[in-house]
Amino acid sequence: MKNEILVTTTEKIPGQEYIVLGEVFGLTTQSKDIFRNIGAGLKNIIGGEIKDYTKMLDESRNIAVDRLRENAMKMGADVVVMMRFDSGSIGTDMQSVAAYGTAVKFK
């Protein structure tokens, strides 16, 4: 049901008029277990992509967008426009991802 909410990075949806309901967010904070952190530390020495962290960020992004959709539905929105991501580290082994945008309802 939450996939019924369109999420777009554009401001306008061609041929549609809407009213703005307000800002909407989806947040998550993730971490990897100690063994994966050790593996990432070793990879940091030799260089290259740390695939476990890339996977964690991808999962975090998907969770944040799902939560954004859920929150938009609670507001009665049809669409989220101008969606963006923000992320940041918390300590050395946690990553926070926020998906945010504007919840709107078609006229």
PDB file of N, CA and C in Angstrom:
ATOM      1  N   MET A   1       0.819  -1.197   0.000  1.00  0.00           N
ATOM      2  CA  MET A   1       0.000   0.000   0.000  1.00  0.00           C
ATOM      3  C   MET A   1       0.862   1.261   0.000  1.00  0.00           C
ATOM      4  N   LYS A   2       1.999   1.247   0.708  1.00  0.00           N
ATOM      5  CA  LYS A   2       2.824   2.442   0.771  1.00  0.00           C
ATOM      6  C   LYS A   2       3.454   2.773  -0.575  1.00  0.00           C
ATOM      7  N   ASN A   3       3.561   1.804  -1.484  1.00  0.00           N
ATOM      8  CA  ASN A   3       4.120   2.074  -2.795  1.00  0.00           C
ATOM      9  C   ASN A   3       3.164   2.855  -3.683  1.00  0.00           C
ATOM     10  N   GLU A   4       1.928   3.073  -3.228  1.00  0.00           N
ATOM     11  CA  GLU A   4       0.983   3.867  -3.984  1.00  0.00           C
ATOM     12  C   GLU A   4       1.369   5.345  -3.977  1.00  0.00           C
ATOM     13  N   ILE A   5       2.165   5.772  -3.025  1.00  0.00           N
ATOM     14  CA  ILE A   5       2.608   7.161  -2.939  1.00  0.00           C
ATOM     15  C   ILE A   5       3.790   7.345  -3.891  1.00  0.00           C
ATOM     16  N   LEU A   6       3.588   8.194  -4.906  1.00  0.00           N
ATOM     17  CA  LEU A   6       4.667   8.521  -5.817  1.00  0.00           C
ATOM     18  C   LEU A   6       5.665   9.414  -5.094  1.00  0.00           C
ATOM     19  N   VAL A   7       6.942   9.115  -5.257  1.00  0.00           N
ATOM     20  CA  VAL A   7       8.004   9.936  -4.701  1.00  0.00           C
ATOM     21  C   VAL A   7       8.862  10.397  -5.871  1.00  0.00           C
ATOM     22  N   THR A   8       9.005  11.710  -6.008  1.00  0.00           N
ATOM     23  CA  THR A   8       9.758  12.260  -7.126  1.00  0.00           C
ATOM     24  C   THR A   8      10.705  13.358  -6.661  1.00  0.00           C
ATOM     25  N   THR A   9      11.787  13.515  -7.377  1.00  0.00           N
ATOM     26  CA  THR A   9      12.742  14.567  -7.052  1.00  0.00           C
ATOM     27  C   THR A   9      12.395  15.877  -7.752  1.00  0.00           C
ATOM     28  N   THR A  10      11.395  15.848  -8.623  1.00  0.00           N
ATOM     29  CA  THR A  10      10.996  17.062  -9.338  1.00  0.00           C
ATOM     30  C   THR A  10      10.020  17.879  -8.504  1.00  0.00           C
ATOM     31  N   GLU A  11       9.900  19.151  -8.850  1.00  0.00           N
ATOM     32  CA  GLU A  11       8.972  20.028  -8.144  1.00  0.00           C
ATOM     33  C   GLU A  11       7.561  19.919  -8.708  1.00  0.00           C
ATOM     34  N   LYS A  12       7.454  19.789 -10.011  1.00  0.00           N
ATOM     35  CA  LYS A  12       6.155  19.752 -10.684  1.00  0.00           C
ATOM     36  C   LYS A  12       5.912  18.378 -11.304  1.00  0.00           C
ATOM     37  N   ILE A  13       4.638  17.998 -11.329  1.00  0.00           N
ATOM     38  CA  ILE A  13       4.219  16.793 -12.024  1.00  0.00           C
ATOM     39  C   ILE A  13       3.390  17.265 -13.217  1.00  0.00           C
ATOM     40  N   PRO A  14       3.849  17.009 -14.429  1.00  0.00           N
ATOM     41  CA  PRO A  14       3.168  17.539 -15.610  1.00  0.00           C
ATOM     42  C   PRO A  14       1.668  17.219 -15.625  1.00  0.00           C
ATOM     43  N   GLY A  15       0.872  18.257 -15.865  1.00  0.00           N
ATOM     44  CA  GLY A  15      -0.574  18.088 -15.983  1.00  0.00           C
ATOM     45  C   GLY A  15      -1.309  17.958 -14.663  1.00  0.00           C
ATOM     46  N   GLN A  16      -0.620  18.113 -13.543  1.00  0.00           N
ATOM     47  CA  GLN A  16      -1.257  17.952 -12.235  1.00  0.00           C
ATOM     48  C   GLN A  16      -1.167  19.253 -11.435  1.00  0.00           C
ATOM     49  N   GLU A  17      -2.247  19.558 -10.744  1.00  0.00           N
ATOM     50  CA  GLU A  17      -2.233  20.644  -9.765  1.00  0.00           C
ATOM     51  C   GLU A  17      -2.415  20.017  -8.398  1.00  0.00           C
ATOM     52  N   TYR A  18      -1.773  20.597  -7.415  1.00  0.00           N
ATOM     53  CA  TYR A  18      -1.857  20.027  -6.073  1.00  0.00           C
ATOM     54  C   TYR A  18      -1.749  21.113  -5.019  1.00  0.00           C
ATOM     55  N   ILE A  19      -2.148  20.726  -3.814  1.00  0.00           N
ATOM     56  CA  ILE A  19      -1.984  21.606  -2.661  1.00  0.00           C
ATOM     57  C   ILE A  19      -0.880  21.016  -1.775  1.00  0.00           C
ATOM     58  N   VAL A  20      -0.108  21.884  -1.174  1.00  0.00           N
ATOM     59  CA  VAL A  20       0.994  21.456  -0.318  1.00  0.00           C
ATOM     60  C   VAL A  20       0.450  21.135   1.068  1.00  0.00           C
ATOM     61  N   LEU A  21       0.784  19.950   1.559  1.00  0.00           N
ATOM     62  CA  LEU A  21       0.385  19.540   2.906  1.00  0.00           C
ATOM     63  C   LEU A  21       1.470  19.850   3.933  1.00  0.00           C
ATOM     64  N   GLY A  22       2.719  19.806   3.507  1.00  0.00           N
ATOM     65  CA  GLY A  22       3.815  20.099   4.421  1.00  0.00           C
ATOM     66  C   GLY A  22       5.006  19.198   4.179  1.00  0.00           C
ATOM     67  N   GLU A  23       6.042  19.431   4.971  1.00  0.00           N
ATOM     68  CA  GLU A  23       7.247  18.622   4.817  1.00  0.00           C
ATOM     69  C   GLU A  23       7.039  17.250   5.442  1.00  0.00           C
ATOM     70  N   VAL A  24       7.745  16.277   4.888  1.00  0.00           N
ATOM     71  CA  VAL A  24       7.621  14.903   5.347  1.00  0.00           C
ATOM     72  C   VAL A  24       9.012  14.272   5.351  1.00  0.00           C
ATOM     73  N   PHE A  25       9.244  13.394   6.324  1.00  0.00           N
ATOM     74  CA  PHE A  25      10.558  12.792   6.516  1.00  0.00           C
ATOM     75  C   PHE A  25      10.454  11.285   6.676  1.00  0.00           C
ATOM     76  N   GLY A  26      11.535  10.610   6.376  1.00  0.00           N
ATOM     77  CA  GLY A  26      11.734   9.207   6.692  1.00  0.00           C
ATOM     78  C   GLY A  26      13.156   9.058   7.176  1.00  0.00           C
ATOM     79  N   LEU A  27      13.353   8.493   8.349  1.00  0.00           N
ATOM     80  CA  LEU A  27      14.682   8.437   8.967  1.00  0.00           C
ATOM     81  C   LEU A  27      15.040   7.015   9.370  1.00  0.00           C
ATOM     82  N   THR A  28      16.328   6.708   9.335  1.00  0.00           N
ATOM     83  CA  THR A  28      16.829   5.457   9.876  1.00  0.00           C
ATOM     84  C   THR A  28      18.296   5.625  10.262  1.00  0.00           C
ATOM     85  N   THR A  29      18.734   4.862  11.240  1.00  0.00           N
ATOM     86  CA  THR A  29      20.136   4.798  11.624  1.00  0.00           C
ATOM     87  C   THR A  29      20.520   3.330  11.680  1.00  0.00           C
ATOM     88  N   GLN A  30      21.598   2.990  11.011  1.00  0.00           N
ATOM     89  CA  GLN A  30      22.027   1.591  10.888  1.00  0.00           C
ATOM     90  C   GLN A  30      23.478   1.445  11.341  1.00  0.00           C
ATOM     91  N   SER A  31      23.839   0.231  11.718  1.00  0.00           N
ATOM     92  CA  SER A  31      25.237  -0.079  12.006  1.00  0.00           C
ATOM     93  C   SER A  31      25.524  -1.508  11.577  1.00  0.00           C
ATOM     94  N   LYS A  32      26.781  -1.821  11.404  1.00  0.00           N
ATOM     95  CA  LYS A  32      27.211  -3.170  11.073  1.00  0.00           C
ATOM     96  C   LYS A  32      27.771  -3.837  12.331  1.00  0.00           C
ATOM     97  N   ASP A  33      27.768  -5.166  12.308  1.00  0.00           N
ATOM     98  CA  ASP A  33      28.294  -5.885  13.456  1.00  0.00           C
ATOM     99  C   ASP A  33      29.820  -5.766  13.529  1.00  0.00           C
ATOM    100  N   ILE A  34      30.374  -6.180  14.628  1.00  0.00           N
ATOM    101  CA  ILE A  34      31.807  -6.013  14.909  1.00  0.00           C
ATOM    102  C   ILE A  34      32.687  -6.707  13.872  1.00  0.00           C
ATOM    103  N   PHE A  35      32.264  -7.871  13.372  1.00  0.00           N
ATOM    104  CA  PHE A  35      33.082  -8.603  12.402  1.00  0.00           C
ATOM    105  C   PHE A  35      33.158  -7.861  11.069  1.00  0.00           C
ATOM    106  N   ARG A  36      32.055  -7.284  10.650  1.00  0.00           N
ATOM    107  CA  ARG A  36      32.060  -6.508   9.408  1.00  0.00           C
ATOM    108  C   ARG A  36      32.837  -5.205   9.589  1.00  0.00           C
ATOM    109  N   ASN A  37      32.794  -4.630  10.781  1.00  0.00           N
ATOM    110  CA  ASN A  37      33.584  -3.429  11.038  1.00  0.00           C
ATOM    111  C   ASN A  37      35.084  -3.733  10.964  1.00  0.00           C
ATOM    112  N   ILE A  38      35.482  -4.895  11.465  1.00  0.00           N
ATOM    113  CA  ILE A  38      36.895  -5.299  11.384  1.00  0.00           C
ATOM    114  C   ILE A  38      37.288  -5.479   9.922  1.00  0.00           C
ATOM    115  N   GLY A  39      36.415  -6.141   9.149  1.00  0.00           N
ATOM    116  CA  GLY A  39      36.689  -6.324   7.716  1.00  0.00           C
ATOM    117  C   GLY A  39      36.793  -4.994   6.993  1.00  0.00           C
ATOM    118  N   ALA A  40      35.941  -4.057   7.353  1.00  0.00           N
ATOM    119  CA  ALA A  40      35.989  -2.726   6.733  1.00  0.00           C
ATOM    120  C   ALA A  40      37.278  -2.012   7.104  1.00  0.00           C
ATOM    121  N   GLY A  41      37.727  -2.187   8.346  1.00  0.00           N
ATOM    122  CA  GLY A  41      38.990  -1.575   8.773  1.00  0.00           C
ATOM    123  C   GLY A  41      40.166  -2.114   7.982  1.00  0.00           C
ATOM    124  N   LEU A  42      40.158  -3.412   7.715  1.00  0.00           N
ATOM    125  CA  LEU A  42      41.229  -4.008   6.916  1.00  0.00           C
ATOM    126  C   LEU A  42      41.173  -3.502   5.482  1.00  0.00           C
ATOM    127  N   LYS A  43      39.980  -3.383   4.937  1.00  0.00           N
ATOM    128  CA  LYS A  43      39.813  -2.872   3.573  1.00  0.00           C
ATOM    129  C   LYS A  43      40.293  -1.428   3.488  1.00  0.00           C
ATOM    130  N   ASN A  44      40.125  -0.689   4.564  1.00  0.00           N
ATOM    131  CA  ASN A  44      40.580   0.699   4.608  1.00  0.00           C
ATOM    132  C   ASN A  44      42.095   0.795   4.435  1.00  0.00           C
ATOM    133  N   ILE A  45      42.801  -0.208   4.878  1.00  0.00           N
ATOM    134  CA  ILE A  45      44.266  -0.226   4.769  1.00  0.00           C
ATOM    135  C   ILE A  45      44.700  -0.434   3.320  1.00  0.00           C
ATOM    136  N   ILE A  46      44.037  -1.360   2.624  1.00  0.00           N
ATOM    137  CA  ILE A  46      44.462  -1.682   1.249  1.00  0.00           C
ATOM    138  C   ILE A  46      43.710  -0.884   0.194  1.00  0.00           C
ATOM    139  N   GLY A  47      42.594  -0.241   0.574  1.00  0.00           N
ATOM    140  CA  GLY A  47      41.836   0.587  -0.359  1.00  0.00           C
ATOM    141  C   GLY A  47      40.762  -0.189  -1.099  1.00  0.00           C
ATOM    142  N   GLY A  48      39.897   0.537  -1.763  1.00  0.00           N
ATOM    143  CA  GLY A  48      38.828  -0.067  -2.539  1.00  0.00           C
ATOM    144  C   GLY A  48      37.477   0.113  -1.868  1.00  0.00           C
ATOM    145  N   GLU A  49      36.456  -0.348  -2.560  1.00  0.00           N
ATOM    146  CA  GLU A  49      35.080  -0.217  -2.059  1.00  0.00           C
ATOM    147  C   GLU A  49      34.848  -1.142  -0.869  1.00  0.00           C
ATOM    148  N   ILE A  50      34.177  -0.630   0.127  1.00  0.00           N
ATOM    149  CA  ILE A  50      33.797  -1.432   1.290  1.00  0.00           C
ATOM    150  C   ILE A  50      32.351  -1.852   1.059  1.00  0.00           C
ATOM    151  N   LYS A  51      32.179  -3.023   0.462  1.00  0.00           N
ATOM    152  CA  LYS A  51      30.871  -3.455  -0.030  1.00  0.00           C
ATOM    153  C   LYS A  51      29.826  -3.602   1.073  1.00  0.00           C
ATOM    154  N   ASP A  52      30.234  -4.000   2.272  1.00  0.00           N
ATOM    155  CA  ASP A  52      29.259  -4.121   3.362  1.00  0.00           C
ATOM    156  C   ASP A  52      28.663  -2.770   3.718  1.00  0.00           C
ATOM    157  N   TYR A  53      29.475  -1.721   3.686  1.00  0.00           N
ATOM    158  CA  TYR A  53      28.951  -0.384   3.978  1.00  0.00           C
ATOM    159  C   TYR A  53      28.103   0.146   2.832  1.00  0.00           C
ATOM    160  N   THR A  54      28.496  -0.160   1.618  1.00  0.00           N
ATOM    161  CA  THR A  54      27.679   0.237   0.466  1.00  0.00           C
ATOM    162  C   THR A  54      26.307  -0.425   0.553  1.00  0.00           C
ATOM    163  N   LYS A  55      26.286  -1.703   0.887  1.00  0.00           N
ATOM    164  CA  LYS A  55      25.023  -2.428   1.034  1.00  0.00           C
ATOM    165  C   LYS A  55      24.191  -1.829   2.178  1.00  0.00           C
ATOM    166  N   MET A  56      24.853  -1.499   3.289  1.00  0.00           N
ATOM    167  CA  MET A  56      24.147  -0.919   4.421  1.00  0.00           C
ATOM    168  C   MET A  56      23.511   0.422   4.043  1.00  0.00           C
ATOM    169  N   LEU A  57      24.233   1.247   3.300  1.00  0.00           N
ATOM    170  CA  LEU A  57      23.684   2.540   2.887  1.00  0.00           C
ATOM    171  C   LEU A  57      22.523   2.375   1.916  1.00  0.00           C
ATOM    172  N   ASP A  58      22.626   1.405   1.019  1.00  0.00           N
ATOM    173  CA  ASP A  58      21.530   1.139   0.088  1.00  0.00           C
ATOM    174  C   ASP A  58      20.285   0.684   0.848  1.00  0.00           C
ATOM    175  N   GLU A  59      20.461  -0.224   1.790  1.00  0.00           N
ATOM    176  CA  GLU A  59      19.331  -0.678   2.616  1.00  0.00           C
ATOM    177  C   GLU A  59      18.755   0.490   3.423  1.00  0.00           C
ATOM    178  N   SER A  60      19.625   1.317   3.973  1.00  0.00           N
ATOM    179  CA  SER A  60      19.176   2.466   4.760  1.00  0.00           C
ATOM    180  C   SER A  60      18.367   3.431   3.911  1.00  0.00           C
ATOM    181  N   ARG A  61      18.814   3.672   2.706  1.00  0.00           N
ATOM    182  CA  ARG A  61      18.091   4.564   1.797  1.00  0.00           C
ATOM    183  C   ARG A  61      16.690   4.018   1.504  1.00  0.00           C
ATOM    184  N   ASN A  62      16.592   2.721   1.252  1.00  0.00           N
ATOM    185  CA  ASN A  62      15.285   2.113   0.981  1.00  0.00           C
ATOM    186  C   ASN A  62      14.357   2.189   2.187  1.00  0.00           C
ATOM    187  N   ILE A  63      14.893   1.955   3.363  1.00  0.00           N
ATOM    188  CA  ILE A  63      14.094   2.055   4.591  1.00  0.00           C
ATOM    189  C   ILE A  63      13.610   3.489   4.787  1.00  0.00           C
ATOM    190  N   ALA A  64      14.493   4.461   4.574  1.00  0.00           N
ATOM    191  CA  ALA A  64      14.130   5.873   4.745  1.00  0.00           C
ATOM    192  C   ALA A  64      13.014   6.272   3.777  1.00  0.00           C
ATOM    193  N   VAL A  65      13.081   5.815   2.528  1.00  0.00           N
ATOM    194  CA  VAL A  65      12.031   6.144   1.553  1.00  0.00           C
ATOM    195  C   VAL A  65      10.715   5.452   1.924  1.00  0.00           C
ATOM    196  N   ASP A  66      10.779   4.209   2.381  1.00  0.00           N
ATOM    197  CA  ASP A  66       9.556   3.524   2.830  1.00  0.00           C
ATOM    198  C   ASP A  66       8.900   4.287   3.976  1.00  0.00           C
ATOM    199  N   ARG A  67       9.695   4.760   4.912  1.00  0.00           N
ATOM    200  CA  ARG A  67       9.154   5.522   6.044  1.00  0.00           C
ATOM    201  C   ARG A  67       8.615   6.877   5.595  1.00  0.00           C
ATOM    202  N   LEU A  68       9.273   7.485   4.623  1.00  0.00           N
ATOM    203  CA  LEU A  68       8.785   8.729   4.033  1.00  0.00           C
ATOM    204  C   LEU A  68       7.385   8.501   3.442  1.00  0.00           C
ATOM    205  N   ARG A  69       7.228   7.426   2.680  1.00  0.00           N
ATOM    206  CA  ARG A  69       5.923   7.097   2.098  1.00  0.00           C
ATOM    207  C   ARG A  69       4.864   6.872   3.175  1.00  0.00           C
ATOM    208  N   GLU A  70       5.219   6.129   4.206  1.00  0.00           N
ATOM    209  CA  GLU A  70       4.276   5.867   5.300  1.00  0.00           C
ATOM    210  C   GLU A  70       3.829   7.169   5.954  1.00  0.00           C
ATOM    211  N   ASN A  71       4.775   8.063   6.214  1.00  0.00           N
ATOM    212  CA  ASN A  71       4.437   9.335   6.848  1.00  0.00           C
ATOM    213  C   ASN A  71       3.601  10.215   5.925  1.00  0.00           C
ATOM    214  N   ALA A  72       3.882  10.177   4.627  1.00  0.00           N
ATOM    215  CA  ALA A  72       3.091  10.942   3.662  1.00  0.00           C
ATOM    216  C   ALA A  72       1.653  10.421   3.609  1.00  0.00           C
ATOM    217  N   MET A  73       1.508   9.101   3.659  1.00  0.00           N
ATOM    218  CA  MET A  73       0.159   8.517   3.668  1.00  0.00           C
ATOM    219  C   MET A  73      -0.617   8.960   4.899  1.00  0.00           C
ATOM    220  N   LYS A  74       0.027   8.998   6.042  1.00  0.00           N
ATOM    221  CA  LYS A  74      -0.626   9.441   7.276  1.00  0.00           C
ATOM    222  C   LYS A  74      -1.114  10.881   7.169  1.00  0.00           C
ATOM    223  N   MET A  75      -0.410  11.682   6.356  1.00  0.00           N
ATOM    224  CA  MET A  75      -0.805  13.072   6.148  1.00  0.00           C
ATOM    225  C   MET A  75      -1.911  13.209   5.109  1.00  0.00           C
ATOM    226  N   GLY A  76      -2.231  12.116   4.416  1.00  0.00           N
ATOM    227  CA  GLY A  76      -3.243  12.162   3.369  1.00  0.00           C
ATOM    228  C   GLY A  76      -2.695  12.565   2.013  1.00  0.00           C
ATOM    229  N   ALA A  77      -1.402  12.441   1.815  1.00  0.00           N
ATOM    230  CA  ALA A  77      -0.759  12.864   0.567  1.00  0.00           C
ATOM    231  C   ALA A  77      -0.972  11.847  -0.546  1.00  0.00           C
ATOM    232  N   ASP A  78      -0.928  12.365  -1.769  1.00  0.00           N
ATOM    233  CA  ASP A  78      -0.927  11.521  -2.962  1.00  0.00           C
ATOM    234  C   ASP A  78       0.488  11.343  -3.500  1.00  0.00           C
ATOM    235  N   VAL A  79       1.335  12.337  -3.264  1.00  0.00           N
ATOM    236  CA  VAL A  79       2.675  12.383  -3.846  1.00  0.00           C
ATOM    237  C   VAL A  79       3.623  13.083  -2.875  1.00  0.00           C
ATOM    238  N   VAL A  80       4.897  12.732  -2.973  1.00  0.00           N
ATOM    239  CA  VAL A  80       5.958  13.504  -2.323  1.00  0.00           C
ATOM    240  C   VAL A  80       6.815  14.074  -3.445  1.00  0.00           C
ATOM    241  N   VAL A  81       6.910  15.406  -3.483  1.00  0.00           N
ATOM    242  CA  VAL A  81       7.741  16.070  -4.488  1.00  0.00           C
ATOM    243  C   VAL A  81       9.012  16.598  -3.833  1.00  0.00           C
ATOM    244  N   MET A  82       9.990  16.893  -4.664  1.00  0.00           N
ATOM    245  CA  MET A  82      11.270  17.463  -4.212  1.00  0.00           C
ATOM    246  C   MET A  82      11.967  16.592  -3.161  1.00  0.00           C
ATOM    247  N   MET A  83      11.891  15.261  -3.324  1.00  0.00           N
ATOM    248  CA  MET A  83      12.519  14.356  -2.369  1.00  0.00           C
ATOM    249  C   MET A  83      14.034  14.446  -2.491  1.00  0.00           C
ATOM    250  N   ARG A  84      14.692  14.454  -1.351  1.00  0.00           N
ATOM    251  CA  ARG A  84      16.149  14.489  -1.266  1.00  0.00           C
ATOM    252  C   ARG A  84      16.602  13.533  -0.169  1.00  0.00           C
ATOM    253  N   PHE A  85      17.900  13.219  -0.188  1.00  0.00           N
ATOM    254  CA  PHE A  85      18.519  12.414   0.856  1.00  0.00           C
ATOM    255  C   PHE A  85      19.561  13.243   1.582  1.00  0.00           C
ATOM    256  N   ASP A  86      19.748  12.903   2.846  1.00  0.00           N
ATOM    257  CA  ASP A  86      20.863  13.435   3.620  1.00  0.00           C
ATOM    258  C   ASP A  86      21.384  12.273   4.445  1.00  0.00           C
ATOM    259  N   SER A  87      22.675  12.239   4.677  1.00  0.00           N
ATOM    260  CA  SER A  87      23.231  11.162   5.502  1.00  0.00           C
ATOM    261  C   SER A  87      24.399  11.696   6.309  1.00  0.00           C
ATOM    262  N   GLY A  88      24.708  10.989   7.359  1.00  0.00           N
ATOM    263  CA  GLY A  88      25.821  11.382   8.202  1.00  0.00           C
ATOM    264  C   GLY A  88      26.231  10.250   9.115  1.00  0.00           C
ATOM    265  N   SER A  89      27.435  10.329   9.600  1.00  0.00           N
ATOM    266  CA  SER A  89      27.976   9.319  10.509  1.00  0.00           C
ATOM    267  C   SER A  89      27.671   9.688  11.946  1.00  0.00           C
ATOM    268  N   ILE A  90      27.438   8.653  12.731  1.00  0.00           N
ATOM    269  CA  ILE A  90      27.295   8.797  14.173  1.00  0.00           C
ATOM    270  C   ILE A  90      28.361   7.892  14.764  1.00  0.00           C
ATOM    271  N   GLY A  91      29.375   8.486  15.308  1.00  0.00           N
ATOM    272  CA  GLY A  91      30.496   7.682  15.785  1.00  0.00           C
ATOM    273  C   GLY A  91      31.258   7.115  14.604  1.00  0.00           C
ATOM    274  N   THR A  92      31.886   5.968  14.810  1.00  0.00           N
ATOM    275  CA  THR A  92      32.690   5.373  13.742  1.00  0.00           C
ATOM    276  C   THR A  92      31.991   4.232  13.023  1.00  0.00           C
ATOM    277  N   ASP A  93      30.865   3.755  13.558  1.00  0.00           N
ATOM    278  CA  ASP A  93      30.259   2.571  12.940  1.00  0.00           C
ATOM    279  C   ASP A  93      28.751   2.674  12.722  1.00  0.00           C
ATOM    280  N   MET A  94      28.201   3.873  12.799  1.00  0.00           N
ATOM    281  CA  MET A  94      26.766   4.053  12.552  1.00  0.00           C
ATOM    282  C   MET A  94      26.562   5.102  11.472  1.00  0.00           C
ATOM    283  N   GLN A  95      25.528   4.901  10.677  1.00  0.00           N
ATOM    284  CA  GLN A  95      25.204   5.814   9.594  1.00  0.00           C
ATOM    285  C   GLN A  95      23.720   6.147   9.674  1.00  0.00           C
ATOM    286  N   SER A  96      23.405   7.428   9.586  1.00  0.00           N
ATOM    287  CA  SER A  96      22.027   7.883   9.605  1.00  0.00           C
ATOM    288  C   SER A  96      21.654   8.365   8.201  1.00  0.00           C
ATOM    289  N   VAL A  97      20.462   7.998   7.742  1.00  0.00           N
ATOM    290  CA  VAL A  97      19.975   8.432   6.433  1.00  0.00           C
ATOM    291  C   VAL A  97      18.596   9.048   6.618  1.00  0.00           C
ATOM    292  N   ALA A  98      18.409  10.224   6.029  1.00  0.00           N
ATOM    293  CA  ALA A  98      17.111  10.900   6.047  1.00  0.00           C
ATOM    294  C   ALA A  98      16.650  11.096   4.612  1.00  0.00           C
ATOM    295  N   ALA A  99      15.405  10.731   4.350  1.00  0.00           N
ATOM    296  CA  ALA A  99      14.746  11.062   3.090  1.00  0.00           C
ATOM    297  C   ALA A  99      13.723  12.136   3.450  1.00  0.00           C
ATOM    298  N   TYR A 100      13.698  13.232   2.695  1.00  0.00           N
ATOM    299  CA  TYR A 100      12.763  14.295   3.017  1.00  0.00           C
ATOM    300  C   TYR A 100      12.234  14.930   1.741  1.00  0.00           C
ATOM    301  N   GLY A 101      11.048  15.507   1.849  1.00  0.00           N
ATOM    302  CA  GLY A 101      10.429  16.152   0.706  1.00  0.00           C
ATOM    303  C   GLY A 101       9.173  16.883   1.141  1.00  0.00           C
ATOM    304  N   THR A 102       8.347  17.225   0.157  1.00  0.00           N
ATOM    305  CA  THR A 102       7.108  17.932   0.402  1.00  0.00           C
ATOM    306  C   THR A 102       5.931  17.036   0.065  1.00  0.00           C
ATOM    307  N   ALA A 103       5.066  16.795   1.038  1.00  0.00           N
ATOM    308  CA  ALA A 103       3.860  15.993   0.822  1.00  0.00           C
ATOM    309  C   ALA A 103       2.799  16.866   0.176  1.00  0.00           C
ATOM    310  N   VAL A 104       2.185  16.373  -0.910  1.00  0.00           N
ATOM    311  CA  VAL A 104       1.168  17.139  -1.618  1.00  0.00           C
ATOM    312  C   VAL A 104      -0.045  16.244  -1.919  1.00  0.00           C
ATOM    313  N   LYS A 105      -1.190  16.913  -2.138  1.00  0.00           N
ATOM    314  CA  LYS A 105      -2.433  16.225  -2.480  1.00  0.00           C
ATOM    315  C   LYS A 105      -2.956  16.827  -3.779  1.00  0.00           C
ATOM    316  N   PHE A 106      -3.352  15.950  -4.710  1.00  0.00           N
ATOM    317  CA  PHE A 106      -3.905  16.427  -5.975  1.00  0.00           C
ATOM    318  C   PHE A 106      -5.215  17.169  -5.739  1.00  0.00           C
ATOM    319  N   LYS A 107      -5.444  18.236  -6.519  1.00  0.00           N
ATOM    320  CA  LYS A 107      -6.708  18.982  -6.452  1.00  0.00           C
ATOM    321  C   LYS A 107      -7.803  18.195  -7.155  1.00  0.00           C
TER     322      LYS A 107
END
